[in-house]
Amino acid sequence: MEYILNNGLKIPAIAYGTWKFPNTYETSEIIKNAIASGYKYIDTAKAYGNEYYIGQGIKKAQVDRKNIIIGGKLWNDDRGFDNIIKACKETINTLECEYLDIYLVHWPASKAVHDNWREINIETWKAMEELYNSGLVKAIGVCNFKVNQLDELMKNINIKPMINQIEFHPGFMQQDIVNYCKKENILIEAWSPLGSGKMLKKEELKIIANKYQKDVAQICIKWCLQNEVLPIPKTKDIDRMKSNLDVYNFEISKEDMQYLNSLPYLGGSGLDSETITLFN
């Protein structure tokens, strides 16, 4: 299964997350194992501090560059047109990957910190457009943009974002921004599709998992896919890597999807990009 972005780029329907992996040899082995397990889309970010060993892991896997999707992210410290171009090139060099398939703005400038948040986000996007037009990046997008932030951005740009990567898991769907992006043909990617592991302990999800003879992680991943969202699970365990991809041999019923979609808040990161001050 794959998704087709609004610029025509085809990407795998499930990505592999790398947040909190150390910048050490261990991570290169994890990435090699993930690719061997079937992952063809590796999602990382400068802020994770592990780009070098992510790149080394991809090299170890000896996969043809055109057969792997590599996604990076622009960190807030690198805002400013020239800085953004430089940061992207540095990420490409660190990963040793020649170009990026996907490059995302990691966090929007928030109104909680910046009076001129609109202007900052627009300037940032202009640089992203330049990266796209130059061919350094095959697809561009954002992360953690809410409706107001994305709506203001869309009024002032030439190239529509292809992706919005947000926190998305059972009990935390952010349906308003999901609906907005679907209307605009912007793919939603789900970071923390397992709620940073919190969902694995929820009885509501265990009941559904038992019904389908699957584990909770598989239910969360399949639920994302049936909601037309691309999940980005993360694990170091090889068996888990494989089971997180083994979700195409069953279908969650309409009734169970309605139940899962209507769950109350089950916990989350608590990070709100309109009020957050931590990352600005």
C-alpha atoms as a PDB file:
ATOM      1  CA  MET A   1       0.000   0.000   0.000  1.00  0.00           C
ATOM      2  CA  GLU A   2       1.162   3.519  -0.731  1.00  0.00           C
ATOM      3  CA  TYR A   3      -0.050   7.101  -0.710  1.00  0.00           C
ATOM      4  CA  ILE A   4       0.270   9.553  -3.571  1.00  0.00           C
ATOM      5  CA  LEU A   5       1.076  13.105  -2.480  1.00  0.00           C
ATOM      6  CA  ASN A   6      -0.568  16.077  -4.148  1.00  0.00           C
ATOM      7  CA  ASN A   7       2.523  16.554  -6.333  1.00  0.00           C
ATOM      8  CA  GLY A   8       2.384  12.952  -7.560  1.00  0.00           C
ATOM      9  CA  LEU A   9       5.158  11.497  -5.371  1.00  0.00           C
ATOM     10  CA  LYS A  10       4.366   7.955  -4.245  1.00  0.00           C
ATOM     11  CA  ILE A  11       5.392   7.017  -0.698  1.00  0.00           C
ATOM     12  CA  PRO A  12       4.912   3.879   1.438  1.00  0.00           C
ATOM     13  CA  ALA A  13       1.791   3.866   3.618  1.00  0.00           C
ATOM     14  CA  ILE A  14       3.768   3.183   6.837  1.00  0.00           C
ATOM     15  CA  ALA A  15       6.940   5.010   7.859  1.00  0.00           C
ATOM     16  CA  TYR A  16       9.559   4.133  10.449  1.00  0.00           C
ATOM     17  CA  GLY A  17      10.089   6.617  13.296  1.00  0.00           C
ATOM     18  CA  THR A  18      13.470   7.433  14.835  1.00  0.00           C
ATOM     19  CA  TRP A  19      12.754   9.891  17.666  1.00  0.00           C
ATOM     20  CA  LYS A  20      14.915   9.322  20.766  1.00  0.00           C
ATOM     21  CA  PHE A  21      17.254   6.914  19.007  1.00  0.00           C
ATOM     22  CA  PRO A  22      20.837   7.758  20.046  1.00  0.00           C
ATOM     23  CA  ASN A  23      23.451   9.136  17.681  1.00  0.00           C
ATOM     24  CA  THR A  24      25.496   5.948  18.038  1.00  0.00           C
ATOM     25  CA  TYR A  25      26.404   2.779  16.173  1.00  0.00           C
ATOM     26  CA  GLU A  26      23.375   1.079  17.759  1.00  0.00           C
ATOM     27  CA  THR A  27      21.049   3.287  15.726  1.00  0.00           C
ATOM     28  CA  SER A  28      22.726   2.364  12.454  1.00  0.00           C
ATOM     29  CA  GLU A  29      22.060  -1.297  13.265  1.00  0.00           C
ATOM     30  CA  ILE A  30      18.426  -0.535  14.145  1.00  0.00           C
ATOM     31  CA  ILE A  31      17.883   1.253  10.840  1.00  0.00           C
ATOM     32  CA  LYS A  32      19.519  -1.554   8.903  1.00  0.00           C
ATOM     33  CA  ASN A  33      17.204  -4.026  10.635  1.00  0.00           C
ATOM     34  CA  ALA A  34      14.146  -1.857   9.975  1.00  0.00           C
ATOM     35  CA  ILE A  35      14.871  -1.710   6.266  1.00  0.00           C
ATOM     36  CA  ALA A  36      15.520  -5.457   6.192  1.00  0.00           C
ATOM     37  CA  SER A  37      12.145  -5.902   7.928  1.00  0.00           C
ATOM     38  CA  GLY A  38      10.384  -4.094   5.089  1.00  0.00           C
ATOM     39  CA  TYR A  39      10.358  -0.384   5.904  1.00  0.00           C
ATOM     40  CA  LYS A  40      10.975   1.824   2.881  1.00  0.00           C
ATOM     41  CA  TYR A  41      10.304   5.219   4.472  1.00  0.00           C
ATOM     42  CA  ILE A  42      12.601   6.472   7.236  1.00  0.00           C
ATOM     43  CA  ASP A  43      11.433   9.557   9.139  1.00  0.00           C
ATOM     44  CA  THR A  44      13.953  11.592  11.100  1.00  0.00           C
ATOM     45  CA  ALA A  45      14.745  15.190  12.091  1.00  0.00           C
ATOM     46  CA  LYS A  46      17.704  17.385  12.900  1.00  0.00           C
ATOM     47  CA  ALA A  47      16.278  17.899  16.394  1.00  0.00           C
ATOM     48  CA  TYR A  48      16.529  14.164  17.081  1.00  0.00           C
ATOM     49  CA  GLY A  49      20.313  14.508  16.955  1.00  0.00           C
ATOM     50  CA  ASN A  50      20.789  11.182  15.191  1.00  0.00           C
ATOM     51  CA  GLU A  51      20.962  12.006  11.475  1.00  0.00           C
ATOM     52  CA  TYR A  52      24.497  10.722  10.996  1.00  0.00           C
ATOM     53  CA  TYR A  53      23.806   7.192  12.230  1.00  0.00           C
ATOM     54  CA  ILE A  54      20.432   7.124  10.501  1.00  0.00           C
ATOM     55  CA  GLY A  55      22.337   7.718   7.279  1.00  0.00           C
ATOM     56  CA  GLN A  56      24.901   5.080   8.148  1.00  0.00           C
ATOM     57  CA  GLY A  57      22.124   2.569   8.782  1.00  0.00           C
ATOM     58  CA  ILE A  58      20.590   3.273   5.388  1.00  0.00           C
ATOM     59  CA  LYS A  59      24.004   2.736   3.779  1.00  0.00           C
ATOM     60  CA  LYS A  60      24.438  -0.547   5.674  1.00  0.00           C
ATOM     61  CA  ALA A  61      21.107  -1.765   4.320  1.00  0.00           C
ATOM     62  CA  GLN A  62      22.564  -1.474   0.822  1.00  0.00           C
ATOM     63  CA  VAL A  63      19.236  -0.390  -0.624  1.00  0.00           C
ATOM     64  CA  ASP A  64      19.061   1.452  -3.935  1.00  0.00           C
ATOM     65  CA  ARG A  65      18.538   5.144  -3.146  1.00  0.00           C
ATOM     66  CA  LYS A  66      15.514   5.369  -5.412  1.00  0.00           C
ATOM     67  CA  ASN A  67      13.836   2.578  -3.433  1.00  0.00           C
ATOM     68  CA  ILE A  68      13.957   4.320  -0.051  1.00  0.00           C
ATOM     69  CA  ILE A  69      12.089   7.422   1.117  1.00  0.00           C
ATOM     70  CA  ILE A  70      14.075   9.635   3.509  1.00  0.00           C
ATOM     71  CA  GLY A  71      12.277  12.385   5.387  1.00  0.00           C
ATOM     72  CA  GLY A  72      13.950  15.174   7.372  1.00  0.00           C
ATOM     73  CA  LYS A  73      12.710  18.182   9.319  1.00  0.00           C
ATOM     74  CA  LEU A  74      13.697  21.811   9.720  1.00  0.00           C
ATOM     75  CA  TRP A  75      14.281  22.823  13.337  1.00  0.00           C
ATOM     76  CA  ASN A  76      13.187  26.202  14.726  1.00  0.00           C
ATOM     77  CA  ASP A  77      16.751  27.413  15.348  1.00  0.00           C
ATOM     78  CA  ASP A  78      17.337  27.366  11.596  1.00  0.00           C
ATOM     79  CA  ARG A  79      14.570  29.777  10.621  1.00  0.00           C
ATOM     80  CA  GLY A  80      15.396  32.537   8.163  1.00  0.00           C
ATOM     81  CA  PHE A  81      15.581  32.040   4.393  1.00  0.00           C
ATOM     82  CA  ASP A  82      19.338  31.526   4.022  1.00  0.00           C
ATOM     83  CA  ASN A  83      19.580  29.495   7.223  1.00  0.00           C
ATOM     84  CA  ILE A  84      16.867  27.136   6.007  1.00  0.00           C
ATOM     85  CA  ILE A  85      18.637  26.449   2.720  1.00  0.00           C
ATOM     86  CA  LYS A  86      21.867  25.830   4.633  1.00  0.00           C
ATOM     87  CA  ALA A  87      20.162  23.576   7.194  1.00  0.00           C
ATOM     88  CA  CYS A  88      18.613  21.388   4.514  1.00  0.00           C
ATOM     89  CA  LYS A  89      21.951  20.965   2.748  1.00  0.00           C
ATOM     90  CA  GLU A  90      23.596  20.080   6.063  1.00  0.00           C
ATOM     91  CA  THR A  91      20.959  17.423   6.734  1.00  0.00           C
ATOM     92  CA  ILE A  92      21.530  15.935   3.279  1.00  0.00           C
ATOM     93  CA  ASN A  93      25.285  15.906   3.881  1.00  0.00           C
ATOM     94  CA  THR A  94      24.955  14.378   7.346  1.00  0.00           C
ATOM     95  CA  LEU A  95      22.632  11.647   6.103  1.00  0.00           C
ATOM     96  CA  GLU A  96      24.839  11.196   3.014  1.00  0.00           C
ATOM     97  CA  CYS A  97      21.728  10.786   0.892  1.00  0.00           C
ATOM     98  CA  GLU A  98      22.217  13.209  -2.069  1.00  0.00           C
ATOM     99  CA  TYR A  99      18.708  14.664  -1.713  1.00  0.00           C
ATOM    100  CA  LEU A 100      15.716  14.427   0.607  1.00  0.00           C
ATOM    101  CA  ASP A 101      12.491  12.866  -0.516  1.00  0.00           C
ATOM    102  CA  ILE A 102      10.557  14.775   2.138  1.00  0.00           C
ATOM    103  CA  TYR A 103      11.430  17.867   4.174  1.00  0.00           C
ATOM    104  CA  LEU A 104       9.026  19.216   6.784  1.00  0.00           C
ATOM    105  CA  VAL A 105       8.825  22.318   8.954  1.00  0.00           C
ATOM    106  CA  HIS A 106       9.060  20.705  12.389  1.00  0.00           C
ATOM    107  CA  TRP A 107       7.030  23.299  14.341  1.00  0.00           C
ATOM    108  CA  PRO A 108       5.207  26.455  13.300  1.00  0.00           C
ATOM    109  CA  ALA A 109       6.037  29.769  14.913  1.00  0.00           C
ATOM    110  CA  SER A 110       3.418  30.118  17.636  1.00  0.00           C
ATOM    111  CA  LYS A 111       1.405  33.197  18.532  1.00  0.00           C
ATOM    112  CA  ALA A 112       2.234  32.462  22.166  1.00  0.00           C
ATOM    113  CA  VAL A 113       5.802  33.585  21.463  1.00  0.00           C
ATOM    114  CA  HIS A 114       5.815  35.583  18.230  1.00  0.00           C
ATOM    115  CA  ASP A 115       3.569  38.555  17.419  1.00  0.00           C
ATOM    116  CA  ASN A 116       4.678  38.139  13.805  1.00  0.00           C
ATOM    117  CA  TRP A 117       4.093  34.382  13.711  1.00  0.00           C
ATOM    118  CA  ARG A 118       2.295  34.627  10.355  1.00  0.00           C
ATOM    119  CA  GLU A 119       5.225  36.361   8.704  1.00  0.00           C
ATOM    120  CA  ILE A 120       7.740  33.898  10.180  1.00  0.00           C
ATOM    121  CA  ASN A 121       5.777  30.912   8.891  1.00  0.00           C
ATOM    122  CA  ILE A 122       5.358  32.453   5.445  1.00  0.00           C
ATOM    123  CA  GLU A 123       9.066  33.307   5.169  1.00  0.00           C
ATOM    124  CA  THR A 124       9.922  29.792   6.279  1.00  0.00           C
ATOM    125  CA  TRP A 125       7.662  28.326   3.622  1.00  0.00           C
ATOM    126  CA  LYS A 126       9.159  30.503   0.881  1.00  0.00           C
ATOM    127  CA  ALA A 127      12.518  28.867   1.609  1.00  0.00           C
ATOM    128  CA  MET A 128      10.876  25.442   1.544  1.00  0.00           C
ATOM    129  CA  GLU A 129       9.478  26.278  -1.885  1.00  0.00           C
ATOM    130  CA  GLU A 130      12.974  27.211  -3.030  1.00  0.00           C
ATOM    131  CA  LEU A 131      14.327  23.864  -1.823  1.00  0.00           C
ATOM    132  CA  TYR A 132      11.561  22.088  -3.696  1.00  0.00           C
ATOM    133  CA  ASN A 133      12.027  24.075  -6.905  1.00  0.00           C
ATOM    134  CA  SER A 134      15.792  23.491  -6.802  1.00  0.00           C
ATOM    135  CA  GLY A 135      15.340  19.719  -6.664  1.00  0.00           C
ATOM    136  CA  LEU A 136      17.090  19.255  -3.318  1.00  0.00           C
ATOM    137  CA  VAL A 137      13.777  18.044  -1.905  1.00  0.00           C
ATOM    138  CA  LYS A 138      11.108  16.018  -3.698  1.00  0.00           C
ATOM    139  CA  ALA A 139       8.212  16.916  -1.386  1.00  0.00           C
ATOM    140  CA  ILE A 140       7.693  19.588   1.264  1.00  0.00           C
ATOM    141  CA  GLY A 141       5.310  19.857   4.150  1.00  0.00           C
ATOM    142  CA  VAL A 142       4.759  20.883   7.732  1.00  0.00           C
ATOM    143  CA  CYS A 143       4.359  19.336  11.157  1.00  0.00           C
ATOM    144  CA  ASN A 144       2.035  20.265  14.002  1.00  0.00           C
ATOM    145  CA  PHE A 145       0.197  22.989  12.081  1.00  0.00           C
ATOM    146  CA  LYS A 146      -3.328  23.593  13.316  1.00  0.00           C
ATOM    147  CA  VAL A 147      -6.190  24.916  11.185  1.00  0.00           C
ATOM    148  CA  ASN A 148      -5.566  28.607  11.834  1.00  0.00           C
ATOM    149  CA  GLN A 149      -1.822  28.292  11.240  1.00  0.00           C
ATOM    150  CA  LEU A 150      -2.211  26.346   8.024  1.00  0.00           C
ATOM    151  CA  ASP A 151      -5.055  28.527   6.769  1.00  0.00           C
ATOM    152  CA  GLU A 152      -2.977  31.686   7.218  1.00  0.00           C
ATOM    153  CA  LEU A 153      -0.047  30.034   5.466  1.00  0.00           C
ATOM    154  CA  MET A 154      -2.131  28.846   2.515  1.00  0.00           C
ATOM    155  CA  LYS A 155      -3.237  32.413   1.727  1.00  0.00           C
ATOM    156  CA  ASN A 156       0.317  33.533   1.004  1.00  0.00           C
ATOM    157  CA  ILE A 157       2.176  30.718  -0.766  1.00  0.00           C
ATOM    158  CA  ASN A 158       2.697  29.320  -4.253  1.00  0.00           C
ATOM    159  CA  ILE A 159       3.129  25.622  -3.481  1.00  0.00           C
ATOM    160  CA  LYS A 160       0.672  23.807  -1.247  1.00  0.00           C
ATOM    161  CA  PRO A 161       2.158  21.626   1.523  1.00  0.00           C
ATOM    162  CA  MET A 162       2.059  17.964   0.619  1.00  0.00           C
ATOM    163  CA  ILE A 163       2.106  16.658   4.202  1.00  0.00           C
ATOM    164  CA  ASN A 164       1.089  17.745   7.695  1.00  0.00           C
ATOM    165  CA  GLN A 165       2.614  15.463  10.347  1.00  0.00           C
ATOM    166  CA  ILE A 166       0.668  15.673  13.609  1.00  0.00           C
ATOM    167  CA  GLU A 167       0.095  13.737  16.813  1.00  0.00           C
ATOM    168  CA  PHE A 168      -2.668  11.264  15.967  1.00  0.00           C
ATOM    169  CA  HIS A 169      -3.788   8.146  17.797  1.00  0.00           C
ATOM    170  CA  PRO A 170      -6.969   6.679  19.275  1.00  0.00           C
ATOM    171  CA  GLY A 171      -8.432   9.139  21.715  1.00  0.00           C
ATOM    172  CA  PHE A 172      -6.615  12.052  20.053  1.00  0.00           C
ATOM    173  CA  MET A 173      -7.628  12.527  16.436  1.00  0.00           C
ATOM    174  CA  GLN A 174      -7.447  16.331  16.006  1.00  0.00           C
ATOM    175  CA  GLN A 175     -10.357  15.933  13.619  1.00  0.00           C
ATOM    176  CA  ASP A 176     -10.568  19.617  12.673  1.00  0.00           C
ATOM    177  CA  ILE A 177      -7.091  19.744  11.141  1.00  0.00           C
ATOM    178  CA  VAL A 178      -7.499  16.254   9.663  1.00  0.00           C
ATOM    179  CA  ASN A 179     -10.685  17.356   7.880  1.00  0.00           C
ATOM    180  CA  TYR A 180      -9.027  20.563   6.682  1.00  0.00           C
ATOM    181  CA  CYS A 181      -6.062  18.697   5.236  1.00  0.00           C
ATOM    182  CA  LYS A 182      -8.210  16.079   3.533  1.00  0.00           C
ATOM    183  CA  LYS A 183     -10.214  18.849   1.881  1.00  0.00           C
ATOM    184  CA  GLU A 184      -6.956  20.430   0.654  1.00  0.00           C
ATOM    185  CA  ASN A 185      -5.430  17.084  -0.417  1.00  0.00           C
ATOM    186  CA  ILE A 186      -2.652  17.348   2.184  1.00  0.00           C
ATOM    187  CA  LEU A 187      -1.641  13.954   3.575  1.00  0.00           C
ATOM    188  CA  ILE A 188      -1.817  13.564   7.340  1.00  0.00           C
ATOM    189  CA  GLU A 189       1.063  11.641   8.900  1.00  0.00           C
ATOM    190  CA  ALA A 190       0.677  10.359  12.448  1.00  0.00           C
ATOM    191  CA  TRP A 191       3.539  10.800  14.851  1.00  0.00           C
ATOM    192  CA  SER A 192       3.081   8.821  18.028  1.00  0.00           C
ATOM    193  CA  PRO A 193       0.384   6.558  16.519  1.00  0.00           C
ATOM    194  CA  LEU A 194       0.689   4.385  19.636  1.00  0.00           C
ATOM    195  CA  GLY A 195       0.543   7.389  21.959  1.00  0.00           C
ATOM    196  CA  SER A 196       4.209   6.912  22.887  1.00  0.00           C
ATOM    197  CA  GLY A 197       3.216   3.446  24.084  1.00  0.00           C
ATOM    198  CA  LYS A 198       0.334   4.666  26.247  1.00  0.00           C
ATOM    199  CA  MET A 199      -2.270   3.145  23.938  1.00  0.00           C
ATOM    200  CA  LEU A 200      -0.812  -0.337  24.431  1.00  0.00           C
ATOM    201  CA  LYS A 201      -2.139  -0.342  28.010  1.00  0.00           C
ATOM    202  CA  LYS A 202      -5.681   0.843  27.283  1.00  0.00           C
ATOM    203  CA  GLU A 203      -8.401  -1.733  27.962  1.00  0.00           C
ATOM    204  CA  GLU A 204     -10.638  -0.201  25.301  1.00  0.00           C
ATOM    205  CA  LEU A 205      -8.030  -1.056  22.684  1.00  0.00           C
ATOM    206  CA  LYS A 206      -7.140  -4.436  24.142  1.00  0.00           C
ATOM    207  CA  ILE A 207     -10.767  -5.545  23.700  1.00  0.00           C
ATOM    208  CA  ILE A 208     -10.706  -4.620  20.006  1.00  0.00           C
ATOM    209  CA  ALA A 209      -7.298  -6.249  19.524  1.00  0.00           C
ATOM    210  CA  ASN A 210      -8.517  -9.520  21.064  1.00  0.00           C
ATOM    211  CA  LYS A 211     -11.532  -9.487  18.768  1.00  0.00           C
ATOM    212  CA  TYR A 212      -9.293  -9.450  15.693  1.00  0.00           C
ATOM    213  CA  GLN A 213      -6.578 -11.627  17.249  1.00  0.00           C
ATOM    214  CA  LYS A 214      -4.064  -8.823  16.745  1.00  0.00           C
ATOM    215  CA  ASP A 215      -2.002  -6.780  19.158  1.00  0.00           C
ATOM    216  CA  VAL A 216      -2.924  -3.214  20.133  1.00  0.00           C
ATOM    217  CA  ALA A 217      -0.103  -1.727  18.065  1.00  0.00           C
ATOM    218  CA  GLN A 218      -1.455  -3.416  14.937  1.00  0.00           C
ATOM    219  CA  ILE A 219      -4.942  -2.109  15.696  1.00  0.00           C
ATOM    220  CA  CYS A 220      -3.635   1.458  16.103  1.00  0.00           C
ATOM    221  CA  ILE A 221      -1.668   1.245  12.842  1.00  0.00           C
ATOM    222  CA  LYS A 222      -4.553  -0.286  10.890  1.00  0.00           C
ATOM    223  CA  TRP A 223      -6.917   2.309  12.371  1.00  0.00           C
ATOM    224  CA  CYS A 224      -4.662   5.057  11.038  1.00  0.00           C
ATOM    225  CA  LEU A 225      -4.619   3.497   7.575  1.00  0.00           C
ATOM    226  CA  GLN A 226      -8.394   3.101   7.485  1.00  0.00           C
ATOM    227  CA  ASN A 227      -8.655   6.781   8.409  1.00  0.00           C
ATOM    228  CA  GLU A 228      -6.376   7.528   5.402  1.00  0.00           C
ATOM    229  CA  VAL A 229      -3.543   8.618   7.687  1.00  0.00           C
ATOM    230  CA  LEU A 230       0.082   7.492   7.374  1.00  0.00           C
ATOM    231  CA  PRO A 231       1.336   6.073  10.718  1.00  0.00           C
ATOM    232  CA  ILE A 232       4.949   6.372  11.890  1.00  0.00           C
ATOM    233  CA  PRO A 233       5.479   3.656  14.511  1.00  0.00           C
ATOM    234  CA  LYS A 234       8.823   3.190  16.234  1.00  0.00           C
ATOM    235  CA  THR A 235      10.448   0.177  17.849  1.00  0.00           C
ATOM    236  CA  LYS A 236      13.929  -1.278  18.256  1.00  0.00           C
ATOM    237  CA  ASP A 237      12.642  -4.854  18.400  1.00  0.00           C
ATOM    238  CA  ILE A 238      12.876  -6.736  15.095  1.00  0.00           C
ATOM    239  CA  ASP A 239       9.777  -8.851  15.760  1.00  0.00           C
ATOM    240  CA  ARG A 240       7.818  -5.675  16.522  1.00  0.00           C
ATOM    241  CA  MET A 241       9.169  -4.038  13.388  1.00  0.00           C
ATOM    242  CA  LYS A 242       7.713  -6.878  11.354  1.00  0.00           C
ATOM    243  CA  SER A 243       4.398  -7.117  13.206  1.00  0.00           C
ATOM    244  CA  ASN A 244       3.824  -3.361  12.840  1.00  0.00           C
ATOM    245  CA  LEU A 245       3.909  -3.887   9.075  1.00  0.00           C
ATOM    246  CA  ASP A 246       1.722  -7.005   9.210  1.00  0.00           C
ATOM    247  CA  VAL A 247      -1.598  -5.171   9.063  1.00  0.00           C
ATOM    248  CA  TYR A 248      -2.883  -5.889   5.576  1.00  0.00           C
ATOM    249  CA  ASN A 249      -4.532  -9.236   6.249  1.00  0.00           C
ATOM    250  CA  PHE A 250      -7.512  -7.907   8.201  1.00  0.00           C
ATOM    251  CA  GLU A 251      -9.995  -5.046   8.169  1.00  0.00           C
ATOM    252  CA  ILE A 252     -11.505  -3.224  11.154  1.00  0.00           C
ATOM    253  CA  SER A 253     -15.283  -3.218  10.777  1.00  0.00           C
ATOM    254  CA  LYS A 254     -17.254  -0.026  10.204  1.00  0.00           C
ATOM    255  CA  GLU A 255     -18.823  -0.366  13.652  1.00  0.00           C
ATOM    256  CA  ASP A 256     -15.467  -0.807  15.373  1.00  0.00           C
ATOM    257  CA  MET A 257     -13.993   2.116  13.423  1.00  0.00           C
ATOM    258  CA  GLN A 258     -16.871   4.284  14.625  1.00  0.00           C
ATOM    259  CA  TYR A 259     -16.210   3.130  18.176  1.00  0.00           C
ATOM    260  CA  LEU A 260     -12.485   3.850  17.941  1.00  0.00           C
ATOM    261  CA  ASN A 261     -13.097   7.226  16.317  1.00  0.00           C
ATOM    262  CA  SER A 262     -15.451   8.236  19.116  1.00  0.00           C
ATOM    263  CA  LEU A 263     -13.165   7.336  22.031  1.00  0.00           C
ATOM    264  CA  PRO A 264     -12.644  10.093  24.606  1.00  0.00           C
ATOM    265  CA  TYR A 265      -9.217  11.540  25.270  1.00  0.00           C
ATOM    266  CA  LEU A 266      -6.891   8.681  26.242  1.00  0.00           C
ATOM    267  CA  GLY A 267      -3.725  10.670  26.832  1.00  0.00           C
ATOM    268  CA  GLY A 268      -1.167  12.381  24.657  1.00  0.00           C
ATOM    269  CA  SER A 269       1.913  14.567  24.595  1.00  0.00           C
ATOM    270  CA  GLY A 270       0.067  17.711  25.678  1.00  0.00           C
ATOM    271  CA  LEU A 271       1.958  19.742  23.061  1.00  0.00           C
ATOM    272  CA  ASP A 272      -0.216  22.423  21.438  1.00  0.00           C
ATOM    273  CA  SER A 273       1.525  24.325  18.657  1.00  0.00           C
ATOM    274  CA  GLU A 274      -0.554  27.472  19.185  1.00  0.00           C
ATOM    275  CA  THR A 275       0.320  27.823  22.851  1.00  0.00           C
ATOM    276  CA  ILE A 276       3.656  26.060  23.125  1.00  0.00           C
ATOM    277  CA  THR A 277       6.673  28.103  24.218  1.00  0.00           C
ATOM    278  CA  LEU A 278       9.137  25.261  24.770  1.00  0.00           C
ATOM    279  CA  PHE A 279      10.336  25.033  21.159  1.00  0.00           C
ATOM    280  CA  ASN A 280      10.424  28.695  20.206  1.00  0.00           C
END
